[in-house]
N, C-alpha and C. Protein backbone atom coordinates (compact mmCIF):
# COMPACT_ATOMS: atom_id res chain seq x y z
N MET A 1 0.84 -1.17 0.00
CA MET A 1 0.00 0.00 0.00
C MET A 1 0.89 1.24 0.00
N LYS A 2 0.56 2.22 -0.81
CA LYS A 2 1.34 3.44 -0.89
C LYS A 2 0.66 4.54 -0.07
N TYR A 3 1.45 5.17 0.79
CA TYR A 3 0.96 6.27 1.61
C TYR A 3 1.56 7.55 1.09
N ASP A 4 0.79 8.60 1.09
CA ASP A 4 1.30 9.92 0.77
C ASP A 4 0.42 10.93 1.50
N ASN A 5 0.73 11.17 2.74
CA ASN A 5 -0.03 12.06 3.59
C ASN A 5 0.87 13.13 4.15
N HIS A 6 0.27 14.27 4.49
CA HIS A 6 1.06 15.37 5.01
C HIS A 6 0.20 16.19 5.98
N ILE A 7 0.78 16.58 7.10
CA ILE A 7 0.13 17.53 8.00
C ILE A 7 1.15 18.60 8.39
N LYS A 8 0.64 19.75 8.74
CA LYS A 8 1.48 20.85 9.20
C LYS A 8 0.74 21.53 10.34
N VAL A 9 1.42 21.65 11.47
CA VAL A 9 0.83 22.32 12.62
C VAL A 9 1.80 23.38 13.12
N GLU A 10 1.25 24.44 13.64
CA GLU A 10 2.05 25.53 14.20
C GLU A 10 1.54 25.78 15.61
N PHE A 11 2.46 25.91 16.55
CA PHE A 11 2.07 26.15 17.93
C PHE A 11 3.07 27.10 18.58
N THR A 12 2.64 27.72 19.68
CA THR A 12 3.52 28.66 20.38
C THR A 12 4.62 27.89 21.10
N SER A 13 5.72 28.57 21.31
CA SER A 13 6.90 27.95 21.90
C SER A 13 6.78 27.89 23.43
N LYS A 14 5.77 27.17 23.89
CA LYS A 14 5.56 26.94 25.32
C LYS A 14 5.89 25.47 25.59
N SER A 15 6.53 25.22 26.73
CA SER A 15 6.95 23.85 27.03
C SER A 15 5.78 22.88 27.07
N ALA A 16 4.59 23.34 27.42
CA ALA A 16 3.41 22.47 27.44
C ALA A 16 3.10 21.91 26.06
N ASN A 17 3.50 22.61 25.00
CA ASN A 17 3.21 22.16 23.65
C ASN A 17 4.13 21.05 23.16
N GLU A 18 5.19 20.77 23.90
CA GLU A 18 6.08 19.66 23.55
C GLU A 18 5.29 18.34 23.59
N SER A 19 4.45 18.16 24.61
CA SER A 19 3.66 16.93 24.68
C SER A 19 2.59 16.90 23.57
N LEU A 20 2.06 18.06 23.21
CA LEU A 20 1.11 18.13 22.10
C LEU A 20 1.76 17.65 20.81
N ALA A 21 2.97 18.11 20.55
CA ALA A 21 3.68 17.69 19.33
C ALA A 21 3.90 16.18 19.31
N ARG A 22 4.26 15.62 20.46
CA ARG A 22 4.45 14.16 20.56
C ARG A 22 3.18 13.41 20.21
N VAL A 23 2.06 13.87 20.76
CA VAL A 23 0.78 13.21 20.53
C VAL A 23 0.38 13.30 19.06
N ILE A 24 0.54 14.49 18.48
CA ILE A 24 0.18 14.67 17.07
C ILE A 24 1.03 13.77 16.18
N ALA A 25 2.34 13.76 16.39
CA ALA A 25 3.24 12.94 15.57
C ALA A 25 2.91 11.46 15.70
N SER A 26 2.68 11.00 16.94
CA SER A 26 2.41 9.58 17.12
C SER A 26 1.05 9.19 16.55
N ALA A 27 0.06 10.06 16.67
CA ALA A 27 -1.25 9.76 16.07
C ALA A 27 -1.15 9.72 14.55
N PHE A 28 -0.39 10.64 13.99
CA PHE A 28 -0.23 10.69 12.53
C PHE A 28 0.46 9.45 11.99
N VAL A 29 1.56 9.04 12.63
CA VAL A 29 2.33 7.90 12.14
C VAL A 29 1.61 6.57 12.42
N SER A 30 0.61 6.58 13.28
CA SER A 30 -0.10 5.34 13.59
C SER A 30 -0.78 4.73 12.36
N GLN A 31 -0.95 5.51 11.31
CA GLN A 31 -1.50 4.97 10.05
C GLN A 31 -0.64 3.84 9.49
N LEU A 32 0.65 3.87 9.82
CA LEU A 32 1.58 2.85 9.32
C LEU A 32 1.67 1.65 10.25
N ASP A 33 0.89 1.65 11.33
CA ASP A 33 0.88 0.57 12.31
C ASP A 33 2.28 0.27 12.84
N PRO A 34 2.95 1.28 13.42
CA PRO A 34 4.29 1.07 13.95
C PRO A 34 4.26 0.19 15.19
N THR A 35 5.39 -0.41 15.50
CA THR A 35 5.52 -1.14 16.76
C THR A 35 5.55 -0.12 17.90
N LEU A 36 5.36 -0.60 19.12
CA LEU A 36 5.44 0.30 20.27
C LEU A 36 6.83 0.92 20.38
N GLU A 37 7.86 0.14 20.04
CA GLU A 37 9.22 0.66 20.08
C GLU A 37 9.43 1.77 19.04
N GLU A 38 8.94 1.56 17.82
CA GLU A 38 9.06 2.59 16.78
C GLU A 38 8.33 3.86 17.20
N LEU A 39 7.16 3.69 17.77
CA LEU A 39 6.36 4.83 18.23
C LEU A 39 7.07 5.57 19.35
N ALA A 40 7.65 4.85 20.28
CA ALA A 40 8.39 5.47 21.38
C ALA A 40 9.61 6.22 20.85
N ASP A 41 10.30 5.65 19.86
CA ASP A 41 11.45 6.32 19.25
C ASP A 41 11.05 7.65 18.64
N ILE A 42 9.95 7.65 17.89
CA ILE A 42 9.48 8.86 17.22
C ILE A 42 9.06 9.91 18.25
N ARG A 43 8.34 9.48 19.26
CA ARG A 43 7.89 10.41 20.31
C ARG A 43 9.08 11.06 21.02
N THR A 44 10.10 10.25 21.31
CA THR A 44 11.28 10.77 21.99
C THR A 44 12.02 11.78 21.12
N ALA A 45 12.21 11.44 19.85
CA ALA A 45 12.92 12.34 18.93
C ALA A 45 12.16 13.66 18.75
N VAL A 46 10.84 13.58 18.62
CA VAL A 46 10.02 14.79 18.49
C VAL A 46 10.13 15.63 19.75
N SER A 47 10.09 15.00 20.91
CA SER A 47 10.23 15.73 22.18
C SER A 47 11.54 16.50 22.22
N GLU A 48 12.62 15.83 21.84
CA GLU A 48 13.93 16.49 21.86
C GLU A 48 13.98 17.67 20.90
N ALA A 49 13.46 17.47 19.69
CA ALA A 49 13.51 18.53 18.67
C ALA A 49 12.68 19.74 19.09
N VAL A 50 11.48 19.50 19.58
CA VAL A 50 10.60 20.60 19.98
C VAL A 50 11.17 21.31 21.22
N THR A 51 11.69 20.55 22.16
CA THR A 51 12.29 21.14 23.35
C THR A 51 13.48 22.02 22.96
N ASN A 52 14.30 21.56 22.02
CA ASN A 52 15.43 22.37 21.53
C ASN A 52 14.92 23.69 20.94
N ALA A 53 13.86 23.62 20.14
CA ALA A 53 13.32 24.83 19.51
C ALA A 53 12.86 25.83 20.58
N ILE A 54 12.20 25.32 21.61
CA ILE A 54 11.67 26.20 22.66
C ILE A 54 12.79 26.78 23.52
N ILE A 55 13.67 25.92 23.99
CA ILE A 55 14.70 26.35 24.94
C ILE A 55 15.83 27.12 24.26
N HIS A 56 16.31 26.59 23.14
CA HIS A 56 17.46 27.21 22.48
C HIS A 56 17.05 28.19 21.39
N GLY A 57 16.04 27.84 20.62
CA GLY A 57 15.61 28.72 19.54
C GLY A 57 15.05 30.04 20.03
N TYR A 58 14.24 29.94 21.08
CA TYR A 58 13.57 31.15 21.57
C TYR A 58 13.96 31.51 23.00
N ASP A 59 14.94 30.84 23.55
CA ASP A 59 15.37 31.10 24.93
C ASP A 59 14.19 31.10 25.90
N GLY A 60 13.21 30.26 25.62
CA GLY A 60 12.04 30.20 26.49
C GLY A 60 11.06 31.34 26.27
N GLY A 61 11.35 32.24 25.33
CA GLY A 61 10.46 33.36 25.03
C GLY A 61 9.40 32.98 24.02
N LYS A 62 8.68 33.99 23.55
CA LYS A 62 7.59 33.75 22.60
C LYS A 62 8.11 33.53 21.19
N GLY A 63 7.48 32.62 20.52
CA GLY A 63 7.79 32.33 19.13
C GLY A 63 6.88 31.23 18.65
N LYS A 64 7.04 30.84 17.42
CA LYS A 64 6.24 29.78 16.82
C LYS A 64 7.14 28.60 16.48
N VAL A 65 6.63 27.42 16.69
CA VAL A 65 7.28 26.18 16.27
C VAL A 65 6.36 25.54 15.25
N ILE A 66 6.94 25.13 14.14
CA ILE A 66 6.17 24.48 13.08
C ILE A 66 6.62 23.03 13.01
N MET A 67 5.64 22.13 12.98
CA MET A 67 5.94 20.71 12.81
C MET A 67 5.20 20.22 11.57
N GLU A 68 5.96 19.63 10.66
CA GLU A 68 5.38 19.02 9.47
C GLU A 68 5.68 17.54 9.50
N CYS A 69 4.67 16.73 9.24
CA CYS A 69 4.84 15.28 9.19
C CYS A 69 4.36 14.80 7.83
N THR A 70 5.16 13.96 7.22
CA THR A 70 4.81 13.42 5.91
C THR A 70 5.01 11.91 5.93
N LEU A 71 4.04 11.20 5.39
CA LEU A 71 4.16 9.75 5.20
C LEU A 71 4.33 9.49 3.72
N GLN A 72 5.32 8.72 3.39
CA GLN A 72 5.49 8.31 2.01
C GLN A 72 5.95 6.86 2.03
N ASP A 73 5.15 6.01 1.45
CA ASP A 73 5.38 4.56 1.49
C ASP A 73 5.52 4.13 2.95
N HIS A 74 6.66 3.63 3.37
CA HIS A 74 6.84 3.11 4.72
C HIS A 74 7.64 4.06 5.61
N THR A 75 7.80 5.30 5.20
CA THR A 75 8.66 6.23 5.92
C THR A 75 7.88 7.45 6.39
N VAL A 76 8.17 7.85 7.62
CA VAL A 76 7.63 9.09 8.14
C VAL A 76 8.78 10.10 8.18
N GLU A 77 8.50 11.30 7.71
CA GLU A 77 9.45 12.40 7.83
C GLU A 77 8.81 13.44 8.72
N ILE A 78 9.59 13.89 9.70
CA ILE A 78 9.11 14.91 10.63
C ILE A 78 10.08 16.07 10.59
N LYS A 79 9.53 17.24 10.34
CA LYS A 79 10.33 18.46 10.25
C LYS A 79 9.88 19.40 11.37
N ILE A 80 10.83 19.86 12.17
CA ILE A 80 10.57 20.82 13.24
C ILE A 80 11.31 22.11 12.88
N VAL A 81 10.59 23.21 12.82
CA VAL A 81 11.15 24.49 12.37
C VAL A 81 10.89 25.57 13.41
N ASP A 82 11.92 26.34 13.72
CA ASP A 82 11.73 27.56 14.51
C ASP A 82 12.39 28.70 13.76
N LYS A 83 11.95 29.89 14.05
CA LYS A 83 12.51 31.11 13.44
C LYS A 83 13.24 31.92 14.51
N GLY A 84 13.91 31.19 15.39
CA GLY A 84 14.55 31.81 16.54
C GLY A 84 16.01 32.16 16.33
N ASN A 85 16.81 31.88 17.35
CA ASN A 85 18.20 32.31 17.41
C ASN A 85 19.12 31.67 16.38
N GLY A 86 18.83 30.47 15.98
CA GLY A 86 19.76 29.74 15.14
C GLY A 86 20.90 29.20 15.97
N ILE A 87 21.74 28.41 15.36
CA ILE A 87 22.86 27.78 16.05
C ILE A 87 24.15 28.37 15.50
N GLU A 88 24.96 28.91 16.39
CA GLU A 88 26.19 29.58 15.98
C GLU A 88 27.20 28.60 15.38
N ASP A 89 27.41 27.47 16.05
CA ASP A 89 28.38 26.47 15.59
C ASP A 89 27.69 25.12 15.57
N LEU A 90 27.14 24.76 14.42
CA LEU A 90 26.36 23.54 14.29
C LEU A 90 27.19 22.29 14.58
N ASN A 91 28.44 22.27 14.12
CA ASN A 91 29.29 21.10 14.39
C ASN A 91 29.49 20.90 15.89
N LEU A 92 29.70 21.97 16.61
CA LEU A 92 29.86 21.89 18.06
C LEU A 92 28.55 21.45 18.72
N ALA A 93 27.46 22.03 18.28
CA ALA A 93 26.15 21.71 18.86
C ALA A 93 25.78 20.24 18.66
N MET A 94 26.27 19.63 17.61
CA MET A 94 25.95 18.22 17.32
C MET A 94 26.79 17.25 18.16
N GLN A 95 27.79 17.76 18.87
CA GLN A 95 28.65 16.89 19.68
C GLN A 95 27.90 16.42 20.93
N PRO A 96 28.02 15.12 21.26
CA PRO A 96 27.39 14.63 22.49
C PRO A 96 27.90 15.39 23.71
N LEU A 97 26.99 15.67 24.61
CA LEU A 97 27.24 16.34 25.89
C LEU A 97 27.45 17.85 25.78
N TYR A 98 27.47 18.41 24.55
CA TYR A 98 27.59 19.86 24.44
C TYR A 98 26.23 20.49 24.73
N THR A 99 26.22 21.53 25.53
CA THR A 99 25.02 22.32 25.75
C THR A 99 25.40 23.79 25.80
N SER A 100 24.59 24.61 25.18
CA SER A 100 24.82 26.05 25.23
C SER A 100 24.18 26.67 26.47
N LYS A 101 23.47 25.85 27.23
CA LYS A 101 22.79 26.34 28.43
C LYS A 101 23.10 25.44 29.63
N PRO A 102 24.37 25.40 30.07
CA PRO A 102 24.73 24.54 31.19
C PRO A 102 24.02 24.92 32.49
N GLU A 103 23.60 26.17 32.59
CA GLU A 103 22.90 26.62 33.80
C GLU A 103 21.55 25.93 33.96
N LEU A 104 21.01 25.38 32.88
CA LEU A 104 19.73 24.68 32.95
C LEU A 104 19.92 23.20 33.28
N GLU A 105 21.15 22.80 33.50
CA GLU A 105 21.48 21.42 33.82
C GLU A 105 20.94 20.45 32.76
N ARG A 106 21.09 20.82 31.51
CA ARG A 106 20.71 19.97 30.38
C ARG A 106 21.86 19.03 30.09
N SER A 107 21.54 17.88 29.52
CA SER A 107 22.59 16.88 29.29
C SER A 107 23.37 17.12 28.00
N GLY A 108 22.82 17.91 27.08
CA GLY A 108 23.50 18.13 25.81
C GLY A 108 23.44 16.92 24.89
N MET A 109 22.41 16.11 25.05
CA MET A 109 22.31 14.88 24.25
C MET A 109 21.15 14.93 23.25
N GLY A 110 20.54 16.09 23.05
CA GLY A 110 19.37 16.19 22.19
C GLY A 110 19.59 15.66 20.78
N PHE A 111 20.62 16.16 20.10
CA PHE A 111 20.86 15.70 18.72
C PHE A 111 21.30 14.24 18.70
N THR A 112 22.07 13.83 19.69
CA THR A 112 22.50 12.43 19.78
C THR A 112 21.29 11.51 19.95
N VAL A 113 20.35 11.91 20.78
CA VAL A 113 19.13 11.13 20.98
C VAL A 113 18.34 11.05 19.67
N MET A 114 18.19 12.19 19.00
CA MET A 114 17.46 12.20 17.73
C MET A 114 18.11 11.25 16.72
N GLN A 115 19.45 11.31 16.63
CA GLN A 115 20.17 10.45 15.69
C GLN A 115 20.00 8.98 16.03
N SER A 116 20.02 8.65 17.31
CA SER A 116 19.96 7.25 17.69
C SER A 116 18.57 6.65 17.54
N PHE A 117 17.52 7.46 17.64
CA PHE A 117 16.17 6.95 17.56
C PHE A 117 15.56 7.02 16.16
N MET A 118 16.15 7.81 15.29
CA MET A 118 15.62 7.95 13.93
C MET A 118 16.63 7.38 12.93
N ASP A 119 16.17 7.10 11.72
CA ASP A 119 17.04 6.55 10.69
C ASP A 119 17.83 7.63 9.96
N PHE A 120 17.36 8.87 10.04
CA PHE A 120 17.99 9.98 9.32
C PHE A 120 17.78 11.25 10.14
N LEU A 121 18.81 12.07 10.21
CA LEU A 121 18.71 13.37 10.87
C LEU A 121 19.51 14.38 10.09
N GLU A 122 18.88 15.50 9.79
CA GLU A 122 19.57 16.63 9.16
C GLU A 122 19.18 17.89 9.92
N VAL A 123 20.17 18.71 10.22
CA VAL A 123 19.93 19.96 10.92
C VAL A 123 20.46 21.10 10.07
N LYS A 124 19.59 22.07 9.80
CA LYS A 124 19.98 23.28 9.07
C LYS A 124 19.72 24.46 10.01
N SER A 125 20.68 25.36 10.08
CA SER A 125 20.48 26.49 10.97
C SER A 125 21.20 27.71 10.43
N GLU A 126 20.58 28.86 10.66
CA GLU A 126 21.18 30.12 10.28
C GLU A 126 21.04 31.07 11.47
N LEU A 127 22.15 31.63 11.88
CA LEU A 127 22.17 32.50 13.06
C LEU A 127 21.14 33.62 12.92
N HIS A 128 20.34 33.81 13.96
CA HIS A 128 19.29 34.84 14.06
C HIS A 128 18.13 34.62 13.08
N LYS A 129 18.10 33.47 12.41
CA LYS A 129 17.00 33.21 11.48
C LYS A 129 16.27 31.91 11.79
N GLY A 130 16.91 31.02 12.56
CA GLY A 130 16.20 29.82 12.97
C GLY A 130 16.87 28.52 12.59
N THR A 131 16.20 27.45 12.97
CA THR A 131 16.72 26.10 12.78
C THR A 131 15.63 25.19 12.26
N THR A 132 16.03 24.29 11.37
CA THR A 132 15.14 23.27 10.84
C THR A 132 15.77 21.91 11.11
N ILE A 133 14.99 21.04 11.72
CA ILE A 133 15.43 19.67 11.99
C ILE A 133 14.55 18.75 11.15
N ILE A 134 15.19 17.91 10.35
CA ILE A 134 14.47 16.94 9.52
C ILE A 134 14.87 15.55 9.98
N MET A 135 13.86 14.75 10.34
CA MET A 135 14.10 13.39 10.82
C MET A 135 13.23 12.42 10.01
N ARG A 136 13.77 11.24 9.75
CA ARG A 136 13.01 10.21 9.05
C ARG A 136 13.16 8.88 9.77
N LYS A 137 12.08 8.12 9.72
CA LYS A 137 12.12 6.77 10.27
C LYS A 137 11.30 5.86 9.36
N CYS A 138 11.89 4.73 9.01
CA CYS A 138 11.20 3.72 8.22
C CYS A 138 10.44 2.81 9.19
N ILE A 139 9.17 2.64 8.93
CA ILE A 139 8.34 1.75 9.76
C ILE A 139 8.38 0.37 9.11
N LYS A 140 8.98 -0.56 9.80
CA LYS A 140 9.33 -1.88 9.23
C LYS A 140 8.13 -2.71 8.80
N ASN A 141 7.06 -2.70 9.59
CA ASN A 141 5.93 -3.59 9.29
C ASN A 141 4.84 -2.95 8.48
N ALA A 142 5.03 -1.74 8.02
CA ALA A 142 3.98 -1.03 7.28
C ALA A 142 3.72 -1.74 5.94
N ASP A 143 2.46 -2.03 5.72
CA ASP A 143 2.05 -2.64 4.44
C ASP A 143 0.71 -2.17 4.03
């Protein structure tokens, strides 16, 4: 069976909306009948991406986070976009344990978590213009 579905949602950069994004992404991908493990992986990666947008993109201030989810065949693509601060040094930010906000006692594992739970991760960022995170996961049992 061929899937070709797309949704786009926009929400304010409030920490309460991180759980909303998780629910929306998991409900959307449920069309592919993922395993509980695949669903947990997607939810975790979405949580990390949205939390990064809120905490780092907007420094906890007001802004918009856009989440786009696309299903094509057996793959879900999830894009998280903010128009916030951007990342000054993307290579450094992608290093495990690096955090630009050590005062928040963050682990600095957000991108590492996203990479380990998804099959594909791409991060694009421009200083003072925002960051886009693109993640893909192939759902093994989708038919």
